[in-house]
Amino acid sequence: MQFKRKIGKEEADGSFIFIMKDKLKNFPPENEEFELEFKGDKIKTMVEGVYCECAGPEKPHYHYHLWVKDVPLKKGMNILINGDPKSGYKLYIRP
């Protein structure tokens, strides 16, 4: 599995990576802790659904956050996550 994303301001400020709903199947189940390798370090993380009414109170929904508090995210940064449950997950910062 390869997951690519350009980090936005909200993600950088909040230390998370948005996971689109259609990409959730590429990660462990919601709220299940797993390890993400970054520059040789193992970071404990999880995907969490965060309730949101950004489309108005008549259209409540969830945004999915992959928490990466130990990764120095910056707006505009391109990231790549490779992996699967058997081989593990690795996070890369792409040029």
PDB file of N, CA and C in Angstrom:
ATOM      1  N   MET A   1       0.835  -1.172   0.000  1.00  0.00           N
ATOM      2  CA  MET A   1       0.000   0.000   0.000  1.00  0.00           C
ATOM      3  C   MET A   1       0.885   1.241   0.000  1.00  0.00           C
ATOM      4  N   GLN A   2       0.501   2.204  -0.782  1.00  0.00           N
ATOM      5  CA  GLN A   2       1.156   3.509  -0.766  1.00  0.00           C
ATOM      6  C   GLN A   2       0.091   4.578  -0.544  1.00  0.00           C
ATOM      7  N   PHE A   3       0.346   5.447   0.420  1.00  0.00           N
ATOM      8  CA  PHE A   3      -0.550   6.558   0.713  1.00  0.00           C
ATOM      9  C   PHE A   3       0.274   7.835   0.604  1.00  0.00           C
ATOM     10  N   LYS A   4      -0.155   8.740  -0.276  1.00  0.00           N
ATOM     11  CA  LYS A   4       0.559   9.998  -0.490  1.00  0.00           C
ATOM     12  C   LYS A   4      -0.349  11.148  -0.111  1.00  0.00           C
ATOM     13  N   ARG A   5       0.259  12.202   0.445  1.00  0.00           N
ATOM     14  CA  ARG A   5      -0.532  13.363   0.833  1.00  0.00           C
ATOM     15  C   ARG A   5       0.362  14.581   0.981  1.00  0.00           C
ATOM     16  N   LYS A   6      -0.201  15.742   0.649  1.00  0.00           N
ATOM     17  CA  LYS A   6       0.448  17.028   0.901  1.00  0.00           C
ATOM     18  C   LYS A   6      -0.165  17.573   2.186  1.00  0.00           C
ATOM     19  N   ILE A   7       0.665  17.879   3.153  1.00  0.00           N
ATOM     20  CA  ILE A   7       0.208  18.299   4.475  1.00  0.00           C
ATOM     21  C   ILE A   7      -0.324  19.725   4.444  1.00  0.00           C
ATOM     22  N   GLY A   8      -1.489  19.920   5.047  1.00  0.00           N
ATOM     23  CA  GLY A   8      -2.091  21.237   5.165  1.00  0.00           C
ATOM     24  C   GLY A   8      -1.772  21.863   6.515  1.00  0.00           C
ATOM     25  N   LYS A   9      -2.129  23.130   6.676  1.00  0.00           N
ATOM     26  CA  LYS A   9      -1.846  23.873   7.910  1.00  0.00           C
ATOM     27  C   LYS A   9      -2.482  23.219   9.134  1.00  0.00           C
ATOM     28  N   GLU A  10      -3.757  22.820   9.005  1.00  0.00           N
ATOM     29  CA  GLU A  10      -4.456  22.202  10.140  1.00  0.00           C
ATOM     30  C   GLU A  10      -3.754  20.922  10.592  1.00  0.00           C
ATOM     31  N   GLU A  11      -3.292  20.133   9.630  1.00  0.00           N
ATOM     32  CA  GLU A  11      -2.576  18.899   9.961  1.00  0.00           C
ATOM     33  C   GLU A  11      -1.252  19.208  10.658  1.00  0.00           C
ATOM     34  N   ALA A  12      -0.493  20.135  10.096  1.00  0.00           N
ATOM     35  CA  ALA A  12       0.805  20.488  10.681  1.00  0.00           C
ATOM     36  C   ALA A  12       0.626  21.020  12.107  1.00  0.00           C
ATOM     37  N   ASP A  13      -0.352  21.901  12.289  1.00  0.00           N
ATOM     38  CA  ASP A  13      -0.604  22.476  13.614  1.00  0.00           C
ATOM     39  C   ASP A  13      -1.099  21.438  14.614  1.00  0.00           C
ATOM     40  N   GLY A  14      -1.849  20.440  14.136  1.00  0.00           N
ATOM     41  CA  GLY A  14      -2.440  19.446  15.022  1.00  0.00           C
ATOM     42  C   GLY A  14      -1.675  18.144  15.149  1.00  0.00           C
ATOM     43  N   SER A  15      -0.565  18.009  14.437  1.00  0.00           N
ATOM     44  CA  SER A  15       0.261  16.792  14.486  1.00  0.00           C
ATOM     45  C   SER A  15      -0.500  15.541  14.057  1.00  0.00           C
ATOM     46  N   PHE A  16      -1.215  15.662  12.943  1.00  0.00           N
ATOM     47  CA  PHE A  16      -1.915  14.506  12.400  1.00  0.00           C
ATOM     48  C   PHE A  16      -1.898  14.567  10.881  1.00  0.00           C
ATOM     49  N   ILE A  17      -2.222  13.426  10.273  1.00  0.00           N
ATOM     50  CA  ILE A  17      -2.345  13.321   8.818  1.00  0.00           C
ATOM     51  C   ILE A  17      -3.787  12.909   8.538  1.00  0.00           C
ATOM     52  N   PHE A  18      -4.480  13.678   7.693  1.00  0.00           N
ATOM     53  CA  PHE A  18      -5.839  13.300   7.290  1.00  0.00           C
ATOM     54  C   PHE A  18      -5.782  12.009   6.485  1.00  0.00           C
ATOM     55  N   ILE A  19      -6.663  11.081   6.819  1.00  0.00           N
ATOM     56  CA  ILE A  19      -6.821   9.856   6.039  1.00  0.00           C
ATOM     57  C   ILE A  19      -8.226   9.920   5.440  1.00  0.00           C
ATOM     58  N   MET A  20      -8.305   9.942   4.136  1.00  0.00           N
ATOM     59  CA  MET A  20      -9.602   9.993   3.486  1.00  0.00           C
ATOM     60  C   MET A  20     -10.358   8.681   3.738  1.00  0.00           C
ATOM     61  N   LYS A  21     -11.664   8.767   3.820  1.00  0.00           N
ATOM     62  CA  LYS A  21     -12.501   7.613   4.161  1.00  0.00           C
ATOM     63  C   LYS A  21     -12.233   6.418   3.251  1.00  0.00           C
ATOM     64  N   ASP A  22     -12.023   6.672   1.955  1.00  0.00           N
ATOM     65  CA  ASP A  22     -11.790   5.563   1.023  1.00  0.00           C
ATOM     66  C   ASP A  22     -10.419   4.915   1.204  1.00  0.00           C
ATOM     67  N   LYS A  23      -9.535   5.528   1.986  1.00  0.00           N
ATOM     68  CA  LYS A  23      -8.195   4.967   2.235  1.00  0.00           C
ATOM     69  C   LYS A  23      -8.096   4.273   3.592  1.00  0.00           C
ATOM     70  N   LEU A  24      -9.146   4.320   4.392  1.00  0.00           N
ATOM     71  CA  LEU A  24      -9.115   3.697   5.717  1.00  0.00           C
ATOM     72  C   LEU A  24      -8.792   2.212   5.649  1.00  0.00           C
ATOM     73  N   LYS A  25      -9.232   1.549   4.590  1.00  0.00           N
ATOM     74  CA  LYS A  25      -9.007   0.100   4.451  1.00  0.00           C
ATOM     75  C   LYS A  25      -7.522  -0.255   4.389  1.00  0.00           C
ATOM     76  N   ASN A  26      -6.659   0.726   4.115  1.00  0.00           N
ATOM     77  CA  ASN A  26      -5.222   0.483   4.022  1.00  0.00           C
ATOM     78  C   ASN A  26      -4.514   0.531   5.374  1.00  0.00           C
ATOM     79  N   PHE A  27      -5.246   0.861   6.407  1.00  0.00           N
ATOM     80  CA  PHE A  27      -4.671   1.014   7.744  1.00  0.00           C
ATOM     81  C   PHE A  27      -5.376   0.071   8.715  1.00  0.00           C
ATOM     82  N   PRO A  28      -4.770  -0.167   9.890  1.00  0.00           N
ATOM     83  CA  PRO A  28      -5.459  -0.968  10.908  1.00  0.00           C
ATOM     84  C   PRO A  28      -6.799  -0.315  11.265  1.00  0.00           C
ATOM     85  N   PRO A  29      -7.709  -1.081  11.871  1.00  0.00           N
ATOM     86  CA  PRO A  29      -9.016  -0.537  12.234  1.00  0.00           C
ATOM     87  C   PRO A  29      -8.907   0.713  13.112  1.00  0.00           C
ATOM     88  N   GLU A  30      -9.913   1.552  12.999  1.00  0.00           N
ATOM     89  CA  GLU A  30      -9.979   2.787  13.775  1.00  0.00           C
ATOM     90  C   GLU A  30      -9.763   2.503  15.267  1.00  0.00           C
ATOM     91  N   ASN A  31      -8.978   3.360  15.903  1.00  0.00           N
ATOM     92  CA  ASN A  31      -8.658   3.308  17.334  1.00  0.00           C
ATOM     93  C   ASN A  31      -7.799   2.112  17.744  1.00  0.00           C
ATOM     94  N   GLU A  32      -7.240   1.386  16.787  1.00  0.00           N
ATOM     95  CA  GLU A  32      -6.336   0.275  17.099  1.00  0.00           C
ATOM     96  C   GLU A  32      -4.902   0.786  16.977  1.00  0.00           C
ATOM     97  N   GLU A  33      -4.164   0.719  18.070  1.00  0.00           N
ATOM     98  CA  GLU A  33      -2.799   1.226  18.077  1.00  0.00           C
ATOM     99  C   GLU A  33      -1.891   0.365  17.204  1.00  0.00           C
ATOM    100  N   PHE A  34      -0.993   1.014  16.466  1.00  0.00           N
ATOM    101  CA  PHE A  34       0.003   0.316  15.664  1.00  0.00           C
ATOM    102  C   PHE A  34       1.263   1.171  15.602  1.00  0.00           C
ATOM    103  N   GLU A  35       2.331   0.578  15.066  1.00  0.00           N
ATOM    104  CA  GLU A  35       3.605   1.292  14.975  1.00  0.00           C
ATOM    105  C   GLU A  35       3.822   1.813  13.563  1.00  0.00           C
ATOM    106  N   LEU A  36       4.346   3.022  13.500  1.00  0.00           N
ATOM    107  CA  LEU A  36       4.695   3.670  12.252  1.00  0.00           C
ATOM    108  C   LEU A  36       6.175   4.013  12.352  1.00  0.00           C
ATOM    109  N   GLU A  37       6.968   3.508  11.425  1.00  0.00           N
ATOM    110  CA  GLU A  37       8.402   3.784  11.460  1.00  0.00           C
ATOM    111  C   GLU A  37       8.686   5.090  10.727  1.00  0.00           C
ATOM    112  N   PHE A  38       9.507   5.940  11.358  1.00  0.00           N
ATOM    113  CA  PHE A  38       9.909   7.208  10.765  1.00  0.00           C
ATOM    114  C   PHE A  38      11.372   7.445  11.109  1.00  0.00           C
ATOM    115  N   LYS A  39      12.219   7.484  10.082  1.00  0.00           N
ATOM    116  CA  LYS A  39      13.664   7.695  10.254  1.00  0.00           C
ATOM    117  C   LYS A  39      14.268   6.726  11.263  1.00  0.00           C
ATOM    118  N   GLY A  40      13.836   5.466  11.190  1.00  0.00           N
ATOM    119  CA  GLY A  40      14.392   4.425  12.051  1.00  0.00           C
ATOM    120  C   GLY A  40      13.746   4.317  13.421  1.00  0.00           C
ATOM    121  N   ASP A  41      12.904   5.272  13.798  1.00  0.00           N
ATOM    122  CA  ASP A  41      12.213   5.225  15.090  1.00  0.00           C
ATOM    123  C   ASP A  41      10.813   4.666  14.911  1.00  0.00           C
ATOM    124  N   LYS A  42      10.336   3.939  15.905  1.00  0.00           N
ATOM    125  CA  LYS A  42       8.979   3.397  15.897  1.00  0.00           C
ATOM    126  C   LYS A  42       8.089   4.337  16.709  1.00  0.00           C
ATOM    127  N   ILE A  43       7.035   4.809  16.073  1.00  0.00           N
ATOM    128  CA  ILE A  43       6.096   5.725  16.710  1.00  0.00           C
ATOM    129  C   ILE A  43       4.775   4.986  16.901  1.00  0.00           C
ATOM    130  N   LYS A  44       4.247   5.002  18.103  1.00  0.00           N
ATOM    131  CA  LYS A  44       2.931   4.407  18.347  1.00  0.00           C
ATOM    132  C   LYS A  44       1.882   5.418  17.892  1.00  0.00           C
ATOM    133  N   THR A  45       0.914   4.922  17.135  1.00  0.00           N
ATOM    134  CA  THR A  45      -0.101   5.796  16.577  1.00  0.00           C
ATOM    135  C   THR A  45      -1.401   5.051  16.394  1.00  0.00           C
ATOM    136  N   MET A  46      -2.406   5.732  15.883  1.00  0.00           N
ATOM    137  CA  MET A  46      -3.684   5.114  15.528  1.00  0.00           C
ATOM    138  C   MET A  46      -4.443   6.068  14.623  1.00  0.00           C
ATOM    139  N   VAL A  47      -5.413   5.515  13.904  1.00  0.00           N
ATOM    140  CA  VAL A  47      -6.341   6.327  13.125  1.00  0.00           C
ATOM    141  C   VAL A  47      -7.571   6.525  13.999  1.00  0.00           C
ATOM    142  N   GLU A  48      -7.967   7.783  14.154  1.00  0.00           N
ATOM    143  CA  GLU A  48      -9.116   8.103  15.000  1.00  0.00           C
ATOM    144  C   GLU A  48     -10.120   8.938  14.222  1.00  0.00           C
ATOM    145  N   GLY A  49     -11.394   8.591  14.334  1.00  0.00           N
ATOM    146  CA  GLY A  49     -12.461   9.383  13.738  1.00  0.00           C
ATOM    147  C   GLY A  49     -12.768  10.566  14.640  1.00  0.00           C
ATOM    148  N   VAL A  50     -12.765  11.769  14.067  1.00  0.00           N
ATOM    149  CA  VAL A  50     -13.028  12.984  14.825  1.00  0.00           C
ATOM    150  C   VAL A  50     -14.323  13.601  14.291  1.00  0.00           C
ATOM    151  N   TYR A  51     -15.312  13.730  15.155  1.00  0.00           N
ATOM    152  CA  TYR A  51     -16.617  14.266  14.781  1.00  0.00           C
ATOM    153  C   TYR A  51     -16.482  15.691  14.257  1.00  0.00           C
ATOM    154  N   CYS A  52     -17.242  16.012  13.200  1.00  0.00           N
ATOM    155  CA  CYS A  52     -17.132  17.335  12.594  1.00  0.00           C
ATOM    156  C   CYS A  52     -18.472  17.775  11.999  1.00  0.00           C
ATOM    157  N   GLU A  53     -18.713  19.070  12.076  1.00  0.00           N
ATOM    158  CA  GLU A  53     -19.881  19.679  11.446  1.00  0.00           C
ATOM    159  C   GLU A  53     -19.438  20.779  10.486  1.00  0.00           C
ATOM    160  N   CYS A  54     -18.297  20.608   9.834  1.00  0.00           N
ATOM    161  CA  CYS A  54     -17.767  21.645   8.943  1.00  0.00           C
ATOM    162  C   CYS A  54     -18.679  21.893   7.738  1.00  0.00           C
ATOM    163  N   ALA A  55     -19.531  20.936   7.405  1.00  0.00           N
ATOM    164  CA  ALA A  55     -20.488  21.101   6.298  1.00  0.00           C
ATOM    165  C   ALA A  55     -21.847  21.556   6.825  1.00  0.00           C
ATOM    166  N   GLY A  56     -21.893  21.943   8.091  1.00  0.00           N
ATOM    167  CA  GLY A  56     -23.123  22.390   8.721  1.00  0.00           C
ATOM    168  C   GLY A  56     -23.672  21.337   9.665  1.00  0.00           C
ATOM    169  N   PRO A  57     -24.463  21.765  10.661  1.00  0.00           N
ATOM    170  CA  PRO A  57     -24.996  20.820  11.654  1.00  0.00           C
ATOM    171  C   PRO A  57     -25.962  19.790  11.057  1.00  0.00           C
ATOM    172  N   GLU A  58     -26.497  20.088   9.889  1.00  0.00           N
ATOM    173  CA  GLU A  58     -27.404  19.135   9.240  1.00  0.00           C
ATOM    174  C   GLU A  58     -26.642  18.020   8.520  1.00  0.00           C
ATOM    175  N   LYS A  59     -25.297  18.151   8.416  1.00  0.00           N
ATOM    176  CA  LYS A  59     -24.485  17.134   7.737  1.00  0.00           C
ATOM    177  C   LYS A  59     -23.283  16.721   8.608  1.00  0.00           C
ATOM    178  N   PRO A  60     -23.558  16.202   9.805  1.00  0.00           N
ATOM    179  CA  PRO A  60     -22.428  15.778  10.652  1.00  0.00           C
ATOM    180  C   PRO A  60     -21.707  14.586  10.024  1.00  0.00           C
ATOM    181  N   HIS A  61     -20.418  14.493  10.276  1.00  0.00           N
ATOM    182  CA  HIS A  61     -19.618  13.401   9.710  1.00  0.00           C
ATOM    183  C   HIS A  61     -18.326  13.289  10.515  1.00  0.00           C
ATOM    184  N   TYR A  62     -17.442  12.428  10.069  1.00  0.00           N
ATOM    185  CA  TYR A  62     -16.153  12.233  10.742  1.00  0.00           C
ATOM    186  C   TYR A  62     -15.015  12.516   9.769  1.00  0.00           C
ATOM    187  N   HIS A  63     -13.945  13.086  10.322  1.00  0.00           N
ATOM    188  CA  HIS A  63     -12.670  13.196   9.624  1.00  0.00           C
ATOM    189  C   HIS A  63     -11.763  12.186  10.316  1.00  0.00           C
ATOM    190  N   TYR A  64     -10.889  11.557   9.564  1.00  0.00           N
ATOM    191  CA  TYR A  64     -10.030  10.521  10.138  1.00  0.00           C
ATOM    192  C   TYR A  64      -8.597  11.032  10.233  1.00  0.00           C
ATOM    193  N   HIS A  65      -8.070  11.000  11.456  1.00  0.00           N
ATOM    194  CA  HIS A  65      -6.737  11.518  11.748  1.00  0.00           C
ATOM    195  C   HIS A  65      -5.790  10.379  12.088  1.00  0.00           C
ATOM    196  N   LEU A  66      -4.627  10.377  11.476  1.00  0.00           N
ATOM    197  CA  LEU A  66      -3.533   9.498  11.862  1.00  0.00           C
ATOM    198  C   LEU A  66      -2.603  10.363  12.702  1.00  0.00           C
ATOM    199  N   TRP A  67      -2.540  10.080  13.980  1.00  0.00           N
ATOM    200  CA  TRP A  67      -1.774  10.922  14.913  1.00  0.00           C
ATOM    201  C   TRP A  67      -0.280  10.654  14.780  1.00  0.00           C
ATOM    202  N   VAL A  68       0.502  11.722  14.576  1.00  0.00           N
ATOM    203  CA  VAL A  68       1.957  11.612  14.422  1.00  0.00           C
ATOM    204  C   VAL A  68       2.638  12.728  15.225  1.00  0.00           C
ATOM    205  N   LYS A  69       2.427  12.715  16.526  1.00  0.00           N
ATOM    206  CA  LYS A  69       2.917  13.788  17.397  1.00  0.00           C
ATOM    207  C   LYS A  69       4.434  13.911  17.415  1.00  0.00           C
ATOM    208  N   ASP A  70       5.150  12.835  17.091  1.00  0.00           N
ATOM    209  CA  ASP A  70       6.617  12.864  17.127  1.00  0.00           C
ATOM    210  C   ASP A  70       7.243  13.146  15.770  1.00  0.00           C
ATOM    211  N   VAL A  71       6.434  13.559  14.798  1.00  0.00           N
ATOM    212  CA  VAL A  71       6.940  13.873  13.454  1.00  0.00           C
ATOM    213  C   VAL A  71       6.763  15.369  13.220  1.00  0.00           C
ATOM    214  N   PRO A  72       7.830  16.069  12.849  1.00  0.00           N
ATOM    215  CA  PRO A  72       7.740  17.518  12.634  1.00  0.00           C
ATOM    216  C   PRO A  72       7.079  17.864  11.294  1.00  0.00           C
ATOM    217  N   LEU A  73       5.753  17.884  11.280  1.00  0.00           N
ATOM    218  CA  LEU A  73       5.021  18.184  10.050  1.00  0.00           C
ATOM    219  C   LEU A  73       5.025  19.686   9.760  1.00  0.00           C
ATOM    220  N   LYS A  74       5.095  20.007   8.479  1.00  0.00           N
ATOM    221  CA  LYS A  74       5.029  21.403   8.044  1.00  0.00           C
ATOM    222  C   LYS A  74       4.063  21.507   6.877  1.00  0.00           C
ATOM    223  N   LYS A  75       3.340  22.620   6.819  1.00  0.00           N
ATOM    224  CA  LYS A  75       2.417  22.869   5.715  1.00  0.00           C
ATOM    225  C   LYS A  75       3.170  22.758   4.388  1.00  0.00           C
ATOM    226  N   GLY A  76       2.568  22.054   3.422  1.00  0.00           N
ATOM    227  CA  GLY A  76       3.163  21.893   2.103  1.00  0.00           C
ATOM    228  C   GLY A  76       4.077  20.698   1.968  1.00  0.00           C
ATOM    229  N   MET A  77       4.408  20.054   3.073  1.00  0.00           N
ATOM    230  CA  MET A  77       5.271  18.876   3.060  1.00  0.00           C
ATOM    231  C   MET A  77       4.553  17.722   2.372  1.00  0.00           C
ATOM    232  N   ASN A  78       5.254  16.993   1.542  1.00  0.00           N
ATOM    233  CA  ASN A  78       4.713  15.795   0.894  1.00  0.00           C
ATOM    234  C   ASN A  78       5.148  14.574   1.688  1.00  0.00           C
ATOM    235  N   ILE A  79       4.184  13.749   2.057  1.00  0.00           N
ATOM    236  CA  ILE A  79       4.510  12.537   2.812  1.00  0.00           C
ATOM    237  C   ILE A  79       4.087  11.309   2.016  1.00  0.00           C
ATOM    238  N   LEU A  80       4.713  10.208   2.352  1.00  0.00           N
ATOM    239  CA  LEU A  80       4.395   8.911   1.758  1.00  0.00           C
ATOM    240  C   LEU A  80       4.388   7.896   2.892  1.00  0.00           C
ATOM    241  N   ILE A  81       3.353   7.085   2.945  1.00  0.00           N
ATOM    242  CA  ILE A  81       3.298   5.980   3.897  1.00  0.00           C
ATOM    243  C   ILE A  81       3.220   4.698   3.079  1.00  0.00           C
ATOM    244  N   ASN A  82       4.148   3.786   3.341  1.00  0.00           N
ATOM    245  CA  ASN A  82       4.181   2.466   2.710  1.00  0.00           C
ATOM    246  C   ASN A  82       3.906   1.428   3.779  1.00  0.00           C
ATOM    247  N   GLY A  83       3.295   0.336   3.387  1.00  0.00           N
ATOM    248  CA  GLY A  83       3.195  -0.772   4.324  1.00  0.00           C
ATOM    249  C   GLY A  83       1.881  -1.489   4.317  1.00  0.00           C
ATOM    250  N   ASP A  84       1.801  -2.432   5.249  1.00  0.00           N
ATOM    251  CA  ASP A  84       0.605  -3.230   5.459  1.00  0.00           C
ATOM    252  C   ASP A  84       0.725  -3.859   6.844  1.00  0.00           C
ATOM    253  N   PRO A  85      -0.357  -4.490   7.322  1.00  0.00           N
ATOM    254  CA  PRO A  85      -0.320  -5.048   8.682  1.00  0.00           C
ATOM    255  C   PRO A  85       0.793  -6.069   8.916  1.00  0.00           C
ATOM    256  N   LYS A  86       1.164  -6.847   7.894  1.00  0.00           N
ATOM    257  CA  LYS A  86       2.192  -7.878   8.080  1.00  0.00           C
ATOM    258  C   LYS A  86       3.607  -7.306   8.114  1.00  0.00           C
ATOM    259  N   SER A  87       3.935  -6.421   7.168  1.00  0.00           N
ATOM    260  CA  SER A  87       5.299  -5.896   7.085  1.00  0.00           C
ATOM    261  C   SER A  87       5.501  -4.628   7.904  1.00  0.00           C
ATOM    262  N   GLY A  88       4.427  -4.015   8.353  1.00  0.00           N
ATOM    263  CA  GLY A  88       4.510  -2.781   9.122  1.00  0.00           C
ATOM    264  C   GLY A  88       4.359  -1.563   8.219  1.00  0.00           C
ATOM    265  N   TYR A  89       4.354  -0.397   8.836  1.00  0.00           N
ATOM    266  CA  TYR A  89       4.127   0.859   8.120  1.00  0.00           C
ATOM    267  C   TYR A  89       5.323   1.785   8.300  1.00  0.00           C
ATOM    268  N   LYS A  90       5.695   2.470   7.217  1.00  0.00           N
ATOM    269  CA  LYS A  90       6.812   3.413   7.252  1.00  0.00           C
ATOM    270  C   LYS A  90       6.356   4.742   6.672  1.00  0.00           C
ATOM    271  N   LEU A  91       6.774   5.820   7.328  1.00  0.00           N
ATOM    272  CA  LEU A  91       6.459   7.175   6.887  1.00  0.00           C
ATOM    273  C   LEU A  91       7.714   7.826   6.324  1.00  0.00           C
ATOM    274  N   TYR A  92       7.565   8.435   5.156  1.00  0.00           N
ATOM    275  CA  TYR A  92       8.678   9.133   4.498  1.00  0.00           C
ATOM    276  C   TYR A  92       8.247  10.557   4.182  1.00  0.00           C
ATOM    277  N   ILE A  93       9.192  11.467   4.259  1.00  0.00           N
ATOM    278  CA  ILE A  93       8.973  12.830   3.769  1.00  0.00           C
ATOM    279  C   ILE A  93       9.586  12.892   2.395  1.00  0.00           C
ATOM    280  N   ARG A  94       8.763  13.281   1.401  1.00  0.00           N
ATOM    281  CA  ARG A  94       9.218  13.311   0.016  1.00  0.00           C
ATOM    282  C   ARG A  94       9.594  14.730  -0.383  1.00  0.00           C
ATOM    283  N   PRO A  95      10.581  14.855  -1.278  1.00  0.00           N
ATOM    284  CA  PRO A  95      10.955  16.188  -1.756  1.00  0.00           C
ATOM    285  C   PRO A  95       9.857  16.781  -2.635  1.00  0.00           C
TER     286      PRO A  95
END
